[in-house]
PDB file of N, CA and C in Angstrom:
ATOM      1  N   MET A   1      21.795  11.221 -16.156  1.00  0.00           N
ATOM      2  CA  MET A   1      20.420  10.777 -16.275  1.00  0.00           C
ATOM      3  C   MET A   1      19.989  10.135 -14.957  1.00  0.00           C
ATOM      4  N   ALA A   2      18.807  10.471 -14.497  1.00  0.00           N
ATOM      5  CA  ALA A   2      18.292   9.949 -13.228  1.00  0.00           C
ATOM      6  C   ALA A   2      17.873   8.493 -13.389  1.00  0.00           C
ATOM      7  N   GLU A   3      17.962   7.779 -12.289  1.00  0.00           N
ATOM      8  CA  GLU A   3      17.541   6.376 -12.271  1.00  0.00           C
ATOM      9  C   GLU A   3      16.015   6.300 -12.353  1.00  0.00           C
ATOM     10  N   PRO A   4      15.495   5.309 -13.039  1.00  0.00           N
ATOM     11  CA  PRO A   4      14.040   5.155 -13.090  1.00  0.00           C
ATOM     12  C   PRO A   4      13.495   4.831 -11.694  1.00  0.00           C
ATOM     13  N   VAL A   5      12.297   5.306 -11.439  1.00  0.00           N
ATOM     14  CA  VAL A   5      11.656   5.065 -10.142  1.00  0.00           C
ATOM     15  C   VAL A   5      10.374   4.280 -10.393  1.00  0.00           C
ATOM     16  N   ARG A   6      10.163   3.267  -9.584  1.00  0.00           N
ATOM     17  CA  ARG A   6       8.958   2.457  -9.725  1.00  0.00           C
ATOM     18  C   ARG A   6       7.746   3.253  -9.256  1.00  0.00           C
ATOM     19  N   VAL A   7       6.655   3.141  -9.988  1.00  0.00           N
ATOM     20  CA  VAL A   7       5.434   3.867  -9.669  1.00  0.00           C
ATOM     21  C   VAL A   7       4.960   3.483  -8.258  1.00  0.00           C
ATOM     22  N   GLY A   8       5.035   2.219  -7.928  1.00  0.00           N
ATOM     23  CA  GLY A   8       4.621   1.764  -6.600  1.00  0.00           C
ATOM     24  C   GLY A   8       5.403   2.446  -5.492  1.00  0.00           C
ATOM     25  N   ASP A   9       6.708   2.679  -5.734  1.00  0.00           N
ATOM     26  CA  ASP A   9       7.529   3.361  -4.740  1.00  0.00           C
ATOM     27  C   ASP A   9       7.086   4.812  -4.579  1.00  0.00           C
ATOM     28  N   LEU A  10       6.752   5.457  -5.688  1.00  0.00           N
ATOM     29  CA  LEU A  10       6.271   6.844  -5.621  1.00  0.00           C
ATOM     30  C   LEU A  10       4.941   6.934  -4.868  1.00  0.00           C
ATOM     31  N   LEU A  11       4.035   6.025  -5.199  1.00  0.00           N
ATOM     32  CA  LEU A  11       2.719   6.048  -4.556  1.00  0.00           C
ATOM     33  C   LEU A  11       2.820   5.752  -3.068  1.00  0.00           C
ATOM     34  N   ALA A  12       3.733   4.871  -2.685  1.00  0.00           N
ATOM     35  CA  ALA A  12       3.898   4.528  -1.272  1.00  0.00           C
ATOM     36  C   ALA A  12       4.333   5.729  -0.443  1.00  0.00           C
ATOM     37  N   GLU A  13       4.971   6.694  -1.068  1.00  0.00           N
ATOM     38  CA  GLU A  13       5.451   7.876  -0.357  1.00  0.00           C
ATOM     39  C   GLU A  13       4.395   8.970  -0.234  1.00  0.00           C
ATOM     40  N   MET A  14       3.278   8.836  -0.923  1.00  0.00           N
ATOM     41  CA  MET A  14       2.233   9.860  -0.852  1.00  0.00           C
ATOM     42  C   MET A  14       1.492   9.738   0.481  1.00  0.00           C
ATOM     43  N   PRO A  15       1.413  10.826   1.242  1.00  0.00           N
ATOM     44  CA  PRO A  15       0.770  10.773   2.553  1.00  0.00           C
ATOM     45  C   PRO A  15      -0.708  10.389   2.452  1.00  0.00           C
ATOM     46  N   GLY A  16      -1.103   9.411   3.260  1.00  0.00           N
ATOM     47  CA  GLY A  16      -2.503   9.013   3.341  1.00  0.00           C
ATOM     48  C   GLY A  16      -2.996   8.097   2.242  1.00  0.00           C
ATOM     49  N   LEU A  17      -2.238   7.934   1.177  1.00  0.00           N
ATOM     50  CA  LEU A  17      -2.722   7.127   0.055  1.00  0.00           C
ATOM     51  C   LEU A  17      -2.916   5.667   0.454  1.00  0.00           C
ATOM     52  N   HIS A  18      -1.988   5.130   1.208  1.00  0.00           N
ATOM     53  CA  HIS A  18      -2.093   3.733   1.632  1.00  0.00           C
ATOM     54  C   HIS A  18      -3.384   3.516   2.421  1.00  0.00           C
ATOM     55  N   ASP A  19      -3.684   4.438   3.340  1.00  0.00           N
ATOM     56  CA  ASP A  19      -4.909   4.324   4.144  1.00  0.00           C
ATOM     57  C   ASP A  19      -6.154   4.414   3.272  1.00  0.00           C
ATOM     58  N   ARG A  20      -6.173   5.368   2.316  1.00  0.00           N
ATOM     59  CA  ARG A  20      -7.339   5.515   1.438  1.00  0.00           C
ATOM     60  C   ARG A  20      -7.545   4.269   0.584  1.00  0.00           C
ATOM     61  N   MET A  21      -6.459   3.684   0.110  1.00  0.00           N
ATOM     62  CA  MET A  21      -6.577   2.477  -0.710  1.00  0.00           C
ATOM     63  C   MET A  21      -7.094   1.308   0.131  1.00  0.00           C
ATOM     64  N   ALA A  22      -6.644   1.213   1.381  1.00  0.00           N
ATOM     65  CA  ALA A  22      -7.137   0.164   2.282  1.00  0.00           C
ATOM     66  C   ALA A  22      -8.629   0.352   2.534  1.00  0.00           C
ATOM     67  N   GLU A  23      -9.065   1.594   2.709  1.00  0.00           N
ATOM     68  CA  GLU A  23     -10.484   1.874   2.922  1.00  0.00           C
ATOM     69  C   GLU A  23     -11.309   1.497   1.695  1.00  0.00           C
ATOM     70  N   ALA A  24     -10.782   1.775   0.514  1.00  0.00           N
ATOM     71  CA  ALA A  24     -11.482   1.394  -0.725  1.00  0.00           C
ATOM     72  C   ALA A  24     -11.588  -0.130  -0.827  1.00  0.00           C
ATOM     73  N   ARG A  25     -10.518  -0.846  -0.450  1.00  0.00           N
ATOM     74  CA  ARG A  25     -10.565  -2.317  -0.459  1.00  0.00           C
ATOM     75  C   ARG A  25     -11.610  -2.820   0.536  1.00  0.00           C
ATOM     76  N   LEU A  26     -11.712  -2.150   1.673  1.00  0.00           N
ATOM     77  CA  LEU A  26     -12.698  -2.543   2.680  1.00  0.00           C
ATOM     78  C   LEU A  26     -14.116  -2.419   2.127  1.00  0.00           C
ATOM     79  N   VAL A  27     -14.403  -1.312   1.471  1.00  0.00           N
ATOM     80  CA  VAL A  27     -15.738  -1.109   0.891  1.00  0.00           C
ATOM     81  C   VAL A  27     -16.016  -2.188  -0.160  1.00  0.00           C
ATOM     82  N   GLU A  28     -15.037  -2.504  -0.981  1.00  0.00           N
ATOM     83  CA  GLU A  28     -15.206  -3.536  -2.014  1.00  0.00           C
ATOM     84  C   GLU A  28     -15.391  -4.923  -1.399  1.00  0.00           C
ATOM     85  N   THR A  29     -14.766  -5.153  -0.246  1.00  0.00           N
ATOM     86  CA  THR A  29     -14.786  -6.466   0.395  1.00  0.00           C
ATOM     87  C   THR A  29     -15.994  -6.657   1.311  1.00  0.00           C
ATOM     88  N   TRP A  30     -16.767  -5.593   1.554  1.00  0.00           N
ATOM     89  CA  TRP A  30     -17.898  -5.684   2.465  1.00  0.00           C
ATOM     90  C   TRP A  30     -18.794  -6.892   2.202  1.00  0.00           C
ATOM     91  N   PRO A  31     -19.150  -7.234   0.964  1.00  0.00           N
ATOM     92  CA  PRO A  31     -20.020  -8.404   0.763  1.00  0.00           C
ATOM     93  C   PRO A  31     -19.444  -9.686   1.364  1.00  0.00           C
ATOM     94  N   THR A  32     -18.158  -9.863   1.304  1.00  0.00           N
ATOM     95  CA  THR A  32     -17.521 -11.045   1.895  1.00  0.00           C
ATOM     96  C   THR A  32     -17.554 -10.958   3.418  1.00  0.00           C
ATOM     97  N   ILE A  33     -17.278  -9.783   3.941  1.00  0.00           N
ATOM     98  CA  ILE A  33     -17.275  -9.584   5.394  1.00  0.00           C
ATOM     99  C   ILE A  33     -18.681  -9.768   5.957  1.00  0.00           C
ATOM    100  N   ALA A  34     -19.673  -9.208   5.300  1.00  0.00           N
ATOM    101  CA  ALA A  34     -21.051  -9.219   5.801  1.00  0.00           C
ATOM    102  C   ALA A  34     -21.727 -10.577   5.667  1.00  0.00           C
ATOM    103  N   GLY A  35     -21.266 -11.408   4.770  1.00  0.00           N
ATOM    104  CA  GLY A  35     -21.881 -12.719   4.597  1.00  0.00           C
ATOM    105  C   GLY A  35     -23.312 -12.594   4.096  1.00  0.00           C
ATOM    106  N   ALA A  36     -24.251 -13.255   4.790  1.00  0.00           N
ATOM    107  CA  ALA A  36     -25.653 -13.257   4.370  1.00  0.00           C
ATOM    108  C   ALA A  36     -26.250 -11.853   4.360  1.00  0.00           C
ATOM    109  N   ALA A  37     -25.742 -10.964   5.198  1.00  0.00           N
ATOM    110  CA  ALA A  37     -26.262  -9.595   5.275  1.00  0.00           C
ATOM    111  C   ALA A  37     -25.857  -8.756   4.067  1.00  0.00           C
ATOM    112  N   ALA A  38     -24.968  -9.252   3.247  1.00  0.00           N
ATOM    113  CA  ALA A  38     -24.498  -8.490   2.087  1.00  0.00           C
ATOM    114  C   ALA A  38     -25.622  -8.168   1.110  1.00  0.00           C
ATOM    115  N   ALA A  39     -26.607  -9.046   1.023  1.00  0.00           N
ATOM    116  CA  ALA A  39     -27.723  -8.807   0.110  1.00  0.00           C
ATOM    117  C   ALA A  39     -28.639  -7.692   0.612  1.00  0.00           C
ATOM    118  N   ARG A  40     -28.535  -7.340   1.893  1.00  0.00           N
ATOM    119  CA  ARG A  40     -29.413  -6.354   2.488  1.00  0.00           C
ATOM    120  C   ARG A  40     -28.673  -5.114   2.984  1.00  0.00           C
ATOM    121  N   SER A  41     -27.372  -5.038   2.688  1.00  0.00           N
ATOM    122  CA  SER A  41     -26.572  -3.899   3.160  1.00  0.00           C
ATOM    123  C   SER A  41     -25.488  -3.577   2.137  1.00  0.00           C
ATOM    124  N   ARG A  42     -24.961  -2.350   2.254  1.00  0.00           N
ATOM    125  CA  ARG A  42     -23.843  -1.984   1.383  1.00  0.00           C
ATOM    126  C   ARG A  42     -22.954  -0.984   2.119  1.00  0.00           C
ATOM    127  N   ALA A  43     -21.661  -1.202   1.998  1.00  0.00           N
ATOM    128  CA  ALA A  43     -20.697  -0.258   2.558  1.00  0.00           C
ATOM    129  C   ALA A  43     -20.616   0.924   1.607  1.00  0.00           C
ATOM    130  N   GLU A  44     -20.723   2.132   2.157  1.00  0.00           N
ATOM    131  CA  GLU A  44     -20.735   3.327   1.326  1.00  0.00           C
ATOM    132  C   GLU A  44     -19.428   4.093   1.369  1.00  0.00           C
ATOM    133  N   GLY A  45     -18.591   3.822   2.348  1.00  0.00           N
ATOM    134  CA  GLY A  45     -17.322   4.525   2.445  1.00  0.00           C
ATOM    135  C   GLY A  45     -16.871   4.611   3.881  1.00  0.00           C
ATOM    136  N   VAL A  46     -15.703   5.219   4.061  1.00  0.00           N
ATOM    137  CA  VAL A  46     -15.147   5.416   5.398  1.00  0.00           C
ATOM    138  C   VAL A  46     -14.985   6.911   5.603  1.00  0.00           C
ATOM    139  N   ASP A  47     -15.503   7.391   6.722  1.00  0.00           N
ATOM    140  CA  ASP A  47     -15.425   8.812   7.058  1.00  0.00           C
ATOM    141  C   ASP A  47     -14.790   8.940   8.434  1.00  0.00           C
ATOM    142  N   GLN A  48     -13.592   9.490   8.483  1.00  0.00           N
ATOM    143  CA  GLN A  48     -12.845   9.695   9.716  1.00  0.00           C
ATOM    144  C   GLN A  48     -12.760   8.425  10.552  1.00  0.00           C
ATOM    145  N   GLY A  49     -12.451   7.318   9.903  1.00  0.00           N
ATOM    146  CA  GLY A  49     -12.265   6.050  10.594  1.00  0.00           C
ATOM    147  C   GLY A  49     -13.537   5.284  10.902  1.00  0.00           C
ATOM    148  N   VAL A  50     -14.675   5.762  10.401  1.00  0.00           N
ATOM    149  CA  VAL A  50     -15.953   5.088  10.651  1.00  0.00           C
ATOM    150  C   VAL A  50     -16.492   4.550   9.326  1.00  0.00           C
ATOM    151  N   LEU A  51     -16.674   3.241   9.257  1.00  0.00           N
ATOM    152  CA  LEU A  51     -17.251   2.618   8.067  1.00  0.00           C
ATOM    153  C   LEU A  51     -18.742   2.914   8.048  1.00  0.00           C
ATOM    154  N   GLN A  52     -19.222   3.490   6.961  1.00  0.00           N
ATOM    155  CA  GLN A  52     -20.631   3.841   6.795  1.00  0.00           C
ATOM    156  C   GLN A  52     -21.316   2.716   6.022  1.00  0.00           C
ATOM    157  N   VAL A  53     -22.339   2.114   6.634  1.00  0.00           N
ATOM    158  CA  VAL A  53     -23.042   0.986   6.007  1.00  0.00           C
ATOM    159  C   VAL A  53     -24.535   1.276   5.961  1.00  0.00           C
ATOM    160  N   ALA A  54     -25.113   1.193   4.772  1.00  0.00           N
ATOM    161  CA  ALA A  54     -26.555   1.356   4.582  1.00  0.00           C
ATOM    162  C   ALA A  54     -27.208  -0.017   4.657  1.00  0.00           C
ATOM    163  N   VAL A  55     -28.322  -0.100   5.385  1.00  0.00           N
ATOM    164  CA  VAL A  55     -29.044  -1.360   5.584  1.00  0.00           C
ATOM    165  C   VAL A  55     -30.496  -1.132   5.185  1.00  0.00           C
ATOM    166  N   ASP A  56     -31.108  -2.110   4.489  1.00  0.00           N
ATOM    167  CA  ASP A  56     -32.440  -1.874   3.940  1.00  0.00           C
ATOM    168  C   ASP A  56     -33.618  -2.344   4.793  1.00  0.00           C
ATOM    169  N   SER A  57     -33.366  -2.873   5.990  1.00  0.00           N
ATOM    170  CA  SER A  57     -34.491  -3.238   6.854  1.00  0.00           C
ATOM    171  C   SER A  57     -34.076  -3.151   8.320  1.00  0.00           C
ATOM    172  N   SER A  58     -35.038  -2.890   9.166  1.00  0.00           N
ATOM    173  CA  SER A  58     -34.731  -2.752  10.588  1.00  0.00           C
ATOM    174  C   SER A  58     -34.257  -4.078  11.184  1.00  0.00           C
ATOM    175  N   GLY A  59     -34.780  -5.180  10.691  1.00  0.00           N
ATOM    176  CA  GLY A  59     -34.338  -6.489  11.180  1.00  0.00           C
ATOM    177  C   GLY A  59     -32.859  -6.723  10.910  1.00  0.00           C
ATOM    178  N   TRP A  60     -32.430  -6.432   9.691  1.00  0.00           N
ATOM    179  CA  TRP A  60     -31.021  -6.599   9.352  1.00  0.00           C
ATOM    180  C   TRP A  60     -30.163  -5.559  10.065  1.00  0.00           C
ATOM    181  N   LEU A  61     -30.683  -4.369  10.270  1.00  0.00           N
ATOM    182  CA  LEU A  61     -29.955  -3.354  11.032  1.00  0.00           C
ATOM    183  C   LEU A  61     -29.681  -3.861  12.445  1.00  0.00           C
ATOM    184  N   HIS A  62     -30.687  -4.451  13.062  1.00  0.00           N
ATOM    185  CA  HIS A  62     -30.536  -5.000  14.412  1.00  0.00           C
ATOM    186  C   HIS A  62     -29.509  -6.128  14.418  1.00  0.00           C
ATOM    187  N   ARG A  63     -29.644  -7.032  13.460  1.00  0.00           N
ATOM    188  CA  ARG A  63     -28.716  -8.173  13.401  1.00  0.00           C
ATOM    189  C   ARG A  63     -27.269  -7.707  13.219  1.00  0.00           C
ATOM    190  N   LEU A  64     -27.049  -6.767  12.296  1.00  0.00           N
ATOM    191  CA  LEU A  64     -25.690  -6.261  12.070  1.00  0.00           C
ATOM    192  C   LEU A  64     -25.156  -5.537  13.301  1.00  0.00           C
ATOM    193  N   THR A  65     -26.017  -4.822  13.994  1.00  0.00           N
ATOM    194  CA  THR A  65     -25.596  -4.136  15.216  1.00  0.00           C
ATOM    195  C   THR A  65     -25.134  -5.152  16.262  1.00  0.00           C
ATOM    196  N   LEU A  66     -25.853  -6.257  16.378  1.00  0.00           N
ATOM    197  CA  LEU A  66     -25.452  -7.302  17.319  1.00  0.00           C
ATOM    198  C   LEU A  66     -24.121  -7.946  16.934  1.00  0.00           C
ATOM    199  N   GLU A  67     -23.827  -7.980  15.656  1.00  0.00           N
ATOM    200  CA  GLU A  67     -22.588  -8.592  15.164  1.00  0.00           C
ATOM    201  C   GLU A  67     -21.453  -7.571  14.983  1.00  0.00           C
ATOM    202  N   GLU A  68     -21.669  -6.343  15.427  1.00  0.00           N
ATOM    203  CA  GLU A  68     -20.722  -5.262  15.147  1.00  0.00           C
ATOM    204  C   GLU A  68     -19.290  -5.575  15.587  1.00  0.00           C
ATOM    205  N   SER A  69     -19.094  -6.117  16.772  1.00  0.00           N
ATOM    206  CA  SER A  69     -17.716  -6.361  17.232  1.00  0.00           C
ATOM    207  C   SER A  69     -16.998  -7.364  16.324  1.00  0.00           C
ATOM    208  N   ARG A  70     -17.713  -8.400  15.886  1.00  0.00           N
ATOM    209  CA  ARG A  70     -17.111  -9.378  14.970  1.00  0.00           C
ATOM    210  C   ARG A  70     -16.808  -8.731  13.616  1.00  0.00           C
ATOM    211  N   LEU A  71     -17.741  -7.903  13.135  1.00  0.00           N
ATOM    212  CA  LEU A  71     -17.546  -7.236  11.844  1.00  0.00           C
ATOM    213  C   LEU A  71     -16.373  -6.254  11.905  1.00  0.00           C
ATOM    214  N   ILE A  72     -16.256  -5.516  13.001  1.00  0.00           N
ATOM    215  CA  ILE A  72     -15.138  -4.577  13.146  1.00  0.00           C
ATOM    216  C   ILE A  72     -13.815  -5.329  13.122  1.00  0.00           C
ATOM    217  N   ALA A  73     -13.749  -6.452  13.818  1.00  0.00           N
ATOM    218  CA  ALA A  73     -12.510  -7.245  13.833  1.00  0.00           C
ATOM    219  C   ALA A  73     -12.132  -7.684  12.423  1.00  0.00           C
ATOM    220  N   ARG A  74     -13.107  -8.124  11.643  1.00  0.00           N
ATOM    221  CA  ARG A  74     -12.822  -8.537  10.258  1.00  0.00           C
ATOM    222  C   ARG A  74     -12.422  -7.345   9.406  1.00  0.00           C
ATOM    223  N   CYS A  75     -13.085  -6.211   9.602  1.00  0.00           N
ATOM    224  CA  CYS A  75     -12.767  -5.006   8.831  1.00  0.00           C
ATOM    225  C   CYS A  75     -11.345  -4.533   9.130  1.00  0.00           C
ATOM    226  N   ARG A  76     -10.942  -4.620  10.376  1.00  0.00           N
ATOM    227  CA  ARG A  76      -9.606  -4.153  10.778  1.00  0.00           C
ATOM    228  C   ARG A  76      -8.485  -4.991  10.181  1.00  0.00           C
ATOM    229  N   GLU A  77      -8.800  -6.167   9.668  1.00  0.00           N
ATOM    230  CA  GLU A  77      -7.806  -6.955   8.949  1.00  0.00           C
ATOM    231  C   GLU A  77      -7.449  -6.289   7.621  1.00  0.00           C
ATOM    232  N   ILE A  78      -8.327  -5.392   7.154  1.00  0.00           N
ATOM    233  CA  ILE A  78      -8.145  -4.735   5.856  1.00  0.00           C
ATOM    234  C   ILE A  78      -7.767  -3.268   6.009  1.00  0.00           C
ATOM    235  N   ALA A  79      -8.464  -2.560   6.905  1.00  0.00           N
ATOM    236  CA  ALA A  79      -8.227  -1.117   7.072  1.00  0.00           C
ATOM    237  C   ALA A  79      -8.374  -0.740   8.540  1.00  0.00           C
ATOM    238  N   ALA A  80      -7.736   0.331   8.906  1.00  0.00           N
ATOM    239  CA  ALA A  80      -7.782   0.817  10.288  1.00  0.00           C
ATOM    240  C   ALA A  80      -9.041   1.643  10.496  1.00  0.00           C
ATOM    241  N   ILE A  81     -10.103   0.985  10.981  1.00  0.00           N
ATOM    242  CA  ILE A  81     -11.339   1.710  11.275  1.00  0.00           C
ATOM    243  C   ILE A  81     -11.563   1.699  12.780  1.00  0.00           C
ATOM    244  N   ARG A  82     -12.323   2.689  13.260  1.00  0.00           N
ATOM    245  CA  ARG A  82     -12.649   2.772  14.686  1.00  0.00           C
ATOM    246  C   ARG A  82     -13.970   2.090  14.985  1.00  0.00           C
ATOM    247  N   SER A  83     -14.927   2.258  14.069  1.00  0.00           N
ATOM    248  CA  SER A  83     -16.260   1.722  14.314  1.00  0.00           C
ATOM    249  C   SER A  83     -17.026   1.601  13.002  1.00  0.00           C
ATOM    250  N   ILE A  84     -18.249   1.095  13.124  1.00  0.00           N
ATOM    251  CA  ILE A  84     -19.149   0.988  11.973  1.00  0.00           C
ATOM    252  C   ILE A  84     -20.423   1.739  12.333  1.00  0.00           C
ATOM    253  N   ARG A  85     -20.903   2.533  11.394  1.00  0.00           N
ATOM    254  CA  ARG A  85     -22.181   3.232  11.575  1.00  0.00           C
ATOM    255  C   ARG A  85     -23.179   2.634  10.596  1.00  0.00           C
ATOM    256  N   PHE A  86     -24.198   1.957  11.135  1.00  0.00           N
ATOM    257  CA  PHE A  86     -25.256   1.381  10.318  1.00  0.00           C
ATOM    258  C   PHE A  86     -26.398   2.383  10.261  1.00  0.00           C
ATOM    259  N   ARG A  87     -26.968   2.563   9.069  1.00  0.00           N
ATOM    260  CA  ARG A  87     -28.125   3.453   8.954  1.00  0.00           C
ATOM    261  C   ARG A  87     -29.163   2.793   8.064  1.00  0.00           C
ATOM    262  N   LEU A  88     -30.401   2.999   8.440  1.00  0.00           N
ATOM    263  CA  LEU A  88     -31.519   2.405   7.729  1.00  0.00           C
ATOM    264  C   LEU A  88     -31.857   3.256   6.508  1.00  0.00           C
ATOM    265  N   VAL A  89     -31.938   2.613   5.353  1.00  0.00           N
ATOM    266  CA  VAL A  89     -32.336   3.289   4.116  1.00  0.00           C
ATOM    267  C   VAL A  89     -33.438   2.471   3.470  1.00  0.00           C
ATOM    268  N   ALA A  90     -34.286   3.140   2.726  1.00  0.00           N
ATOM    269  CA  ALA A  90     -35.353   2.438   2.020  1.00  0.00           C
ATOM    270  C   ALA A  90     -34.750   1.635   0.870  1.00  0.00           C
ATOM    271  N   PRO A  91     -35.189   0.392   0.705  1.00  0.00           N
ATOM    272  CA  PRO A  91     -34.676  -0.395  -0.423  1.00  0.00           C
ATOM    273  C   PRO A  91     -35.186   0.188  -1.728  1.00  0.00           C
ATOM    274  N   PRO A  92     -34.444   0.005  -2.808  1.00  0.00           N
ATOM    275  CA  PRO A  92     -34.928   0.474  -4.100  1.00  0.00           C
ATOM    276  C   PRO A  92     -36.236  -0.234  -4.431  1.00  0.00           C
ATOM    277  N   ASP A  93     -37.230   0.517  -4.861  1.00  0.00           N
ATOM    278  CA  ASP A  93     -38.537  -0.048  -5.170  1.00  0.00           C
ATOM    279  C   ASP A  93     -38.787   0.050  -6.668  1.00  0.00           C
ATOM    280  N   PRO A  94     -38.580  -1.059  -7.394  1.00  0.00           N
ATOM    281  CA  PRO A  94     -38.761  -1.021  -8.849  1.00  0.00           C
ATOM    282  C   PRO A  94     -40.182  -0.639  -9.250  1.00  0.00           C
ATOM    283  N   ALA A  95     -41.190  -1.038  -8.477  1.00  0.00           N
ATOM    284  CA  ALA A  95     -42.579  -0.715  -8.825  1.00  0.00           C
ATOM    285  C   ALA A  95     -42.816   0.786  -8.744  1.00  0.00           C
ATOM    286  N   ALA A  96     -42.298   1.438  -7.701  1.00  0.00           N
ATOM    287  CA  ALA A  96     -42.470   2.882  -7.556  1.00  0.00           C
ATOM    288  C   ALA A  96     -41.756   3.612  -8.682  1.00  0.00           C
ATOM    289  N   ARG A  97     -40.601   3.122  -9.063  1.00  0.00           N
ATOM    290  CA  ARG A  97     -39.858   3.742 -10.152  1.00  0.00           C
ATOM    291  C   ARG A  97     -40.634   3.628 -11.466  1.00  0.00           C
ATOM    292  N   ALA A  98     -41.299   2.485 -11.701  1.00  0.00           N
ATOM    293  CA  ALA A  98     -42.072   2.283 -12.935  1.00  0.00           C
ATOM    294  C   ALA A  98     -43.275   3.216 -12.973  1.00  0.00           C
ATOM    295  N   VAL A  99     -43.956   3.387 -11.836  1.00  0.00           N
ATOM    296  CA  VAL A  99     -45.113   4.283 -11.776  1.00  0.00           C
ATOM    297  C   VAL A  99     -44.662   5.708 -12.025  1.00  0.00           C
ATOM    298  N   ARG A 100     -43.582   6.123 -11.383  1.00  0.00           N
ATOM    299  CA  ARG A 100     -43.093   7.491 -11.531  1.00  0.00           C
ATOM    300  C   ARG A 100     -42.693   7.780 -12.974  1.00  0.00           C
ATOM    301  N   SER A 101     -42.088   6.799 -13.647  1.00  0.00           N
ATOM    302  CA  SER A 101     -41.638   7.048 -15.015  1.00  0.00           C
ATOM    303  C   SER A 101     -42.793   7.058 -16.013  1.00  0.00           C
ATOM    304  N   SER A 102     -43.991   6.581 -15.611  1.00  0.00           N
ATOM    305  CA  SER A 102     -45.110   6.579 -16.537  1.00  0.00           C
ATOM    306  C   SER A 102     -45.796   7.940 -16.619  1.00  0.00           C
ATOM    307  N   PHE A 103     -45.502   8.845 -15.693  1.00  0.00           N
ATOM    308  CA  PHE A 103     -46.048  10.195 -15.717  1.00  0.00           C
ATOM    309  C   PHE A 103     -45.088  11.137 -16.437  1.00  0.00           C
ATOM    310  N   PRO A 104     -45.628  12.062 -17.223  1.00  0.00           N
ATOM    311  CA  PRO A 104     -44.727  13.019 -17.895  1.00  0.00           C
ATOM    312  C   PRO A 104     -44.079  13.935 -16.867  1.00  0.00           C
ATOM    313  N   ALA A 105     -42.860  14.337 -17.153  1.00  0.00           N
ATOM    314  CA  ALA A 105     -42.127  15.209 -16.251  1.00  0.00           C
ATOM    315  C   ALA A 105     -42.744  16.606 -16.271  1.00  0.00           C
ATOM    316  N   VAL A 106     -42.806  17.223 -15.107  1.00  0.00           N
ATOM    317  CA  VAL A 106     -43.278  18.607 -14.979  1.00  0.00           C
ATOM    318  C   VAL A 106     -42.073  19.498 -15.171  1.00  0.00           C
ATOM    319  N   GLU A 107     -42.273  20.647 -15.807  1.00  0.00           N
ATOM    320  CA  GLU A 107     -41.170  21.556 -16.063  1.00  0.00           C
ATOM    321  C   GLU A 107     -40.437  21.863 -14.764  1.00  0.00           C
ATOM    322  N   GLY A 108     -39.122  21.725 -14.805  1.00  0.00           N
ATOM    323  CA  GLY A 108     -38.278  22.003 -13.636  1.00  0.00           C
ATOM    324  C   GLY A 108     -38.104  20.789 -12.726  1.00  0.00           C
ATOM    325  N   GLU A 109     -38.852  19.715 -12.968  1.00  0.00           N
ATOM    326  CA  GLU A 109     -38.746  18.518 -12.144  1.00  0.00           C
ATOM    327  C   GLU A 109     -37.628  17.644 -12.695  1.00  0.00           C
ATOM    328  N   VAL A 110     -36.895  17.062 -11.802  1.00  0.00           N
ATOM    329  CA  VAL A 110     -35.835  16.140 -12.194  1.00  0.00           C
ATOM    330  C   VAL A 110     -36.313  14.727 -11.926  1.00  0.00           C
ATOM    331  N   CYS A 111     -36.292  13.891 -12.933  1.00  0.00           N
ATOM    332  CA  CYS A 111     -36.704  12.503 -12.785  1.00  0.00           C
ATOM    333  C   CYS A 111     -35.474  11.637 -12.710  1.00  0.00           C
ATOM    334  N   SER A 112     -35.530  10.615 -11.871  1.00  0.00           N
ATOM    335  CA  SER A 112     -34.387   9.703 -11.760  1.00  0.00           C
ATOM    336  C   SER A 112     -34.625   8.432 -12.518  1.00  0.00           C
TER     337      SER A 112
END
């Protein structure tokens, strides 16, 4: 009969899994890393060593860009990233969503 193997030992041997798990922890930890900017930004994932961060205003985009070297240093404590890519996205607009939902859907239209 074979000796039992710990699940953690099996997972540790899977190529790339450790890195992917570190990247997932980084995305989850972004609010702590970003500090005050966490309310205006969100980490969306890591793509080829680049942390992708969505920011909801140009002012916060500028501020985060100025703080990029400090943010990268903090991120590297969790996962091996090369850089951060900040991109401007429109903030969710609850009023626009309410107006859109008050109109009946047109055939073939997808409502969110």
